[in-house]
N, C-alpha and C. Protein backbone atom coordinates (compact mmCIF):
# COMPACT_ATOMS: atom_id res chain seq x y z
N MET A 1 -15.32 0.25 3.92
CA MET A 1 -14.67 -1.08 3.24
C MET A 1 -13.03 -0.78 3.30
N ALA A 2 -12.43 -2.18 3.37
CA ALA A 2 -11.44 -2.08 3.90
C ALA A 2 -10.11 -1.69 2.97
N THR A 3 -9.26 -0.58 3.32
CA THR A 3 -7.99 -0.36 2.42
C THR A 3 -6.71 -1.25 2.30
N SER A 4 -6.22 -1.61 1.52
CA SER A 4 -5.23 -2.43 1.02
C SER A 4 -3.81 -1.77 0.82
N MET A 5 -2.68 -2.32 1.28
CA MET A 5 -1.50 -1.66 1.06
C MET A 5 -0.73 -2.64 0.37
N HIS A 6 -0.22 -2.10 -0.41
CA HIS A 6 0.73 -3.02 -1.46
C HIS A 6 2.32 -2.32 -1.86
N LEU A 7 3.17 -3.03 -1.56
CA LEU A 7 4.54 -2.33 -1.81
C LEU A 7 4.88 -2.42 -3.50
N VAL A 8 5.47 -1.54 -3.62
CA VAL A 8 5.89 -1.44 -5.02
C VAL A 8 7.59 -0.44 -5.00
N TRP A 9 7.75 -0.91 -6.25
CA TRP A 9 9.42 0.06 -6.40
C TRP A 9 9.00 1.15 -6.83
N SER A 10 9.61 2.37 -6.43
CA SER A 10 9.40 3.87 -6.26
C SER A 10 9.73 4.44 -7.70
N SER A 11 9.03 5.10 -8.30
CA SER A 11 9.22 5.66 -9.71
C SER A 11 9.99 7.08 -9.80
N ALA A 12 10.12 7.55 -8.68
CA ALA A 12 11.47 8.77 -8.02
C ALA A 12 12.53 7.83 -7.81
N ALA A 13 13.16 7.02 -6.95
CA ALA A 13 13.97 6.40 -6.16
C ALA A 13 14.26 5.01 -6.91
N PRO A 14 15.49 4.98 -7.60
CA PRO A 14 15.74 3.52 -7.98
C PRO A 14 15.98 2.84 -6.81
N ASP A 15 15.34 1.20 -6.73
CA ASP A 15 15.58 0.42 -5.63
C ASP A 15 15.08 0.59 -4.68
N SER A 16 14.10 1.66 -4.59
CA SER A 16 13.49 2.27 -3.36
C SER A 16 12.02 1.42 -3.71
N VAL A 17 11.48 0.84 -2.32
CA VAL A 17 10.50 0.53 -2.10
C VAL A 17 9.44 1.49 -1.54
N VAL A 18 8.28 2.02 -1.81
CA VAL A 18 7.06 2.64 -1.69
C VAL A 18 5.56 1.97 -1.24
N TYR A 19 4.77 2.67 -1.26
CA TYR A 19 3.58 1.94 -1.51
C TYR A 19 2.27 2.44 -1.94
N GLU A 20 1.44 1.52 -2.29
CA GLU A 20 0.13 1.82 -2.69
C GLU A 20 -0.80 1.70 -2.18
N THR A 21 -1.89 2.76 -1.70
CA THR A 21 -3.23 1.69 -0.97
C THR A 21 -4.43 2.09 -2.70
N HIS A 22 -5.37 1.09 -2.00
CA HIS A 22 -6.39 0.92 -2.75
C HIS A 22 -8.02 0.57 -2.25
N ALA A 23 -8.69 1.11 -2.39
CA ALA A 23 -10.21 0.85 -1.59
C ALA A 23 -11.13 1.25 -2.50
N ILE A 24 -12.19 0.46 -1.97
CA ILE A 24 -13.44 0.55 -3.05
C ILE A 24 -14.75 1.13 -2.38
N GLU A 25 -15.15 2.32 -3.07
CA GLU A 25 -15.76 3.07 -2.31
C GLU A 25 -17.24 2.98 -3.28
N VAL A 26 -18.34 2.59 -2.56
CA VAL A 26 -19.90 3.10 -3.07
C VAL A 26 -20.01 4.01 -3.34
N VAL A 27 -20.28 4.06 -4.45
CA VAL A 27 -20.96 5.88 -5.72
C VAL A 27 -22.55 5.32 -5.88
N GLU A 28 -23.63 6.33 -5.51
CA GLU A 28 -24.69 6.08 -5.87
C GLU A 28 -25.11 7.14 -6.82
N GLU A 29 -24.08 7.47 -7.84
CA GLU A 29 -24.48 8.32 -9.42
C GLU A 29 -24.80 7.32 -10.72
N GLY A 30 -26.45 7.60 -10.74
CA GLY A 30 -26.68 6.56 -12.02
C GLY A 30 -26.91 4.94 -11.34
N GLY A 31 -27.20 5.14 -10.42
CA GLY A 31 -27.37 3.68 -9.27
C GLY A 31 -26.13 3.47 -8.45
N VAL A 32 -26.09 2.53 -7.90
CA VAL A 32 -25.37 2.03 -6.75
C VAL A 32 -24.09 0.72 -7.50
N HIS A 33 -22.94 1.69 -7.84
CA HIS A 33 -21.64 0.72 -8.12
C HIS A 33 -20.47 1.35 -7.04
N GLY A 34 -19.08 0.23 -7.33
CA GLY A 34 -18.14 0.27 -6.45
C GLY A 34 -17.37 1.07 -7.43
N GLU A 35 -16.39 1.95 -7.16
CA GLU A 35 -15.36 2.54 -7.70
C GLU A 35 -14.20 2.27 -6.75
N VAL A 36 -13.17 1.97 -7.45
CA VAL A 36 -11.70 1.99 -6.43
C VAL A 36 -10.81 3.26 -6.64
N VAL A 37 -10.45 3.53 -5.62
CA VAL A 37 -9.72 4.68 -5.41
C VAL A 37 -8.31 4.26 -4.87
N SER A 38 -7.49 4.51 -5.85
CA SER A 38 -5.90 4.22 -5.62
C SER A 38 -4.97 5.20 -5.11
N GLU A 39 -4.48 5.45 -4.49
CA GLU A 39 -3.35 6.48 -4.15
C GLU A 39 -1.89 6.03 -3.82
N ARG A 40 -1.00 6.42 -4.41
CA ARG A 40 0.23 5.95 -4.46
C ARG A 40 1.11 6.94 -3.58
N HIS A 41 2.05 6.65 -2.76
CA HIS A 41 2.39 7.19 -1.24
C HIS A 41 4.23 6.92 -1.70
N GLU A 42 4.91 7.95 -2.14
CA GLU A 42 6.36 7.89 -2.44
C GLU A 42 7.32 8.51 -1.06
N ILE A 43 6.70 7.26 -0.23
CA ILE A 43 7.56 7.42 1.21
C ILE A 43 7.87 6.03 1.31
N PRO A 44 9.77 6.07 1.29
CA PRO A 44 10.14 5.00 1.57
C PRO A 44 9.88 4.00 2.58
N VAL A 45 9.72 3.00 2.32
CA VAL A 45 9.35 1.37 3.40
C VAL A 45 10.78 0.99 3.70
N ARG A 46 11.35 1.30 5.13
CA ARG A 46 12.65 0.87 5.17
C ARG A 46 12.74 -0.78 5.55
N SER A 47 11.61 -1.34 5.75
CA SER A 47 11.64 -2.80 6.09
C SER A 47 10.36 -3.24 6.48
N ARG A 48 10.36 -4.62 6.69
CA ARG A 48 8.98 -5.29 7.16
C ARG A 48 8.45 -4.71 8.26
N ALA A 49 9.02 -4.38 9.10
CA ALA A 49 8.86 -3.98 10.43
C ALA A 49 7.92 -2.80 9.87
N HIS A 50 8.91 -1.98 9.34
CA HIS A 50 8.37 -0.42 8.97
C HIS A 50 7.07 -0.54 8.15
N ALA A 51 7.17 -1.38 7.58
CA ALA A 51 5.69 -1.64 6.39
C ALA A 51 4.56 -1.70 7.32
N GLU A 52 4.92 -2.49 8.31
CA GLU A 52 3.79 -3.47 9.45
C GLU A 52 3.29 -2.17 10.21
N GLU A 53 4.10 -1.16 10.88
CA GLU A 53 3.63 -0.04 11.49
C GLU A 53 3.31 0.71 10.82
N ILE A 54 3.41 1.29 9.52
CA ILE A 54 2.73 2.03 8.45
C ILE A 54 1.34 1.38 8.47
N ALA A 55 1.14 0.18 8.20
CA ALA A 55 -0.05 -0.40 8.03
C ALA A 55 -1.07 -0.28 9.05
N ALA A 56 -0.47 -0.77 10.26
CA ALA A 56 -1.28 -0.70 11.83
C ALA A 56 -1.41 1.11 11.96
N GLU A 57 -0.94 1.79 11.45
CA GLU A 57 -1.13 3.15 12.07
C GLU A 57 -2.43 3.81 10.96
N HIS A 58 -2.48 3.62 10.09
CA HIS A 58 -3.55 3.68 8.96
C HIS A 58 -4.64 2.53 8.82
N ASP A 59 -4.48 1.32 9.49
CA ASP A 59 -5.50 0.32 9.21
C ASP A 59 -5.85 0.10 8.13
N TYR A 60 -4.42 -0.34 7.58
CA TYR A 60 -4.43 -0.82 6.32
C TYR A 60 -4.67 -2.22 6.07
N GLU A 61 -5.12 -3.06 4.99
CA GLU A 61 -4.57 -4.34 5.12
C GLU A 61 -3.52 -4.72 4.22
N LEU A 62 -2.26 -5.01 5.00
CA LEU A 62 -1.08 -5.11 4.39
C LEU A 62 -0.85 -6.32 3.23
N TYR A 63 -0.39 -6.32 2.08
CA TYR A 63 -0.15 -7.35 1.30
C TYR A 63 1.71 -7.61 1.18
N ARG A 64 1.40 -9.06 2.26
CA ARG A 64 2.98 -9.65 2.50
C ARG A 64 3.45 -10.37 1.23
N GLU A 65 3.45 -10.36 -0.03
CA GLU A 65 4.09 -10.51 -0.86
C GLU A 65 4.66 -10.14 -2.13
N GLY A 66 5.42 -10.79 -2.92
CA GLY A 66 5.92 -9.94 -3.89
C GLY A 66 7.33 -9.74 -4.13
N GLU A 67 8.07 -9.50 -4.97
CA GLU A 67 9.50 -8.98 -5.14
C GLU A 67 9.56 -7.87 -4.37
N GLU A 68 8.91 -6.89 -4.04
CA GLU A 68 9.04 -5.74 -3.11
C GLU A 68 9.34 -6.14 -1.64
N TRP A 69 7.94 -7.07 -0.99
CA TRP A 69 8.34 -7.34 -0.07
C TRP A 69 9.39 -7.97 0.18
N ASP A 70 10.06 -9.34 -0.36
CA ASP A 70 10.76 -10.08 -0.62
C ASP A 70 12.14 -9.30 -0.51
N SER A 71 12.35 -8.27 -1.03
CA SER A 71 13.16 -7.10 -0.95
C SER A 71 13.73 -6.64 0.53
N LEU A 72 12.89 -6.67 1.18
CA LEU A 72 12.90 -5.34 2.60
C LEU A 72 13.74 -6.87 3.85
N PRO A 73 14.57 -6.19 4.45
CA PRO A 73 14.68 -6.70 5.66
C PRO A 73 13.62 -7.10 6.79
N GLU A 74 13.99 -7.51 7.69
CA GLU A 74 13.01 -7.97 9.10
C GLU A 74 12.79 -6.69 9.63
N GLU A 75 13.90 -6.23 9.90
CA GLU A 75 14.05 -4.73 10.91
C GLU A 75 14.49 -4.13 10.42
N GLY A 76 14.30 -2.55 10.55
CA GLY A 76 15.30 -1.57 9.83
C GLY A 76 14.81 -0.23 10.06
């Protein structure tokens, strides 16, 4: 399944944008069902281009929306 990448405000560094990833994994314990696996990456995202690079490198589906996305410069 695809892994989505969402930009969020850092909890460690005020005014810094970092990212979270979310994926649905199939679990077969007690029947087949989906389980969401989320990870927070406290890696500063410098720009929209940088976010695009991270997403492309890891094959993430980048969500280009929200206050965090809007706060980033195009390049940097």
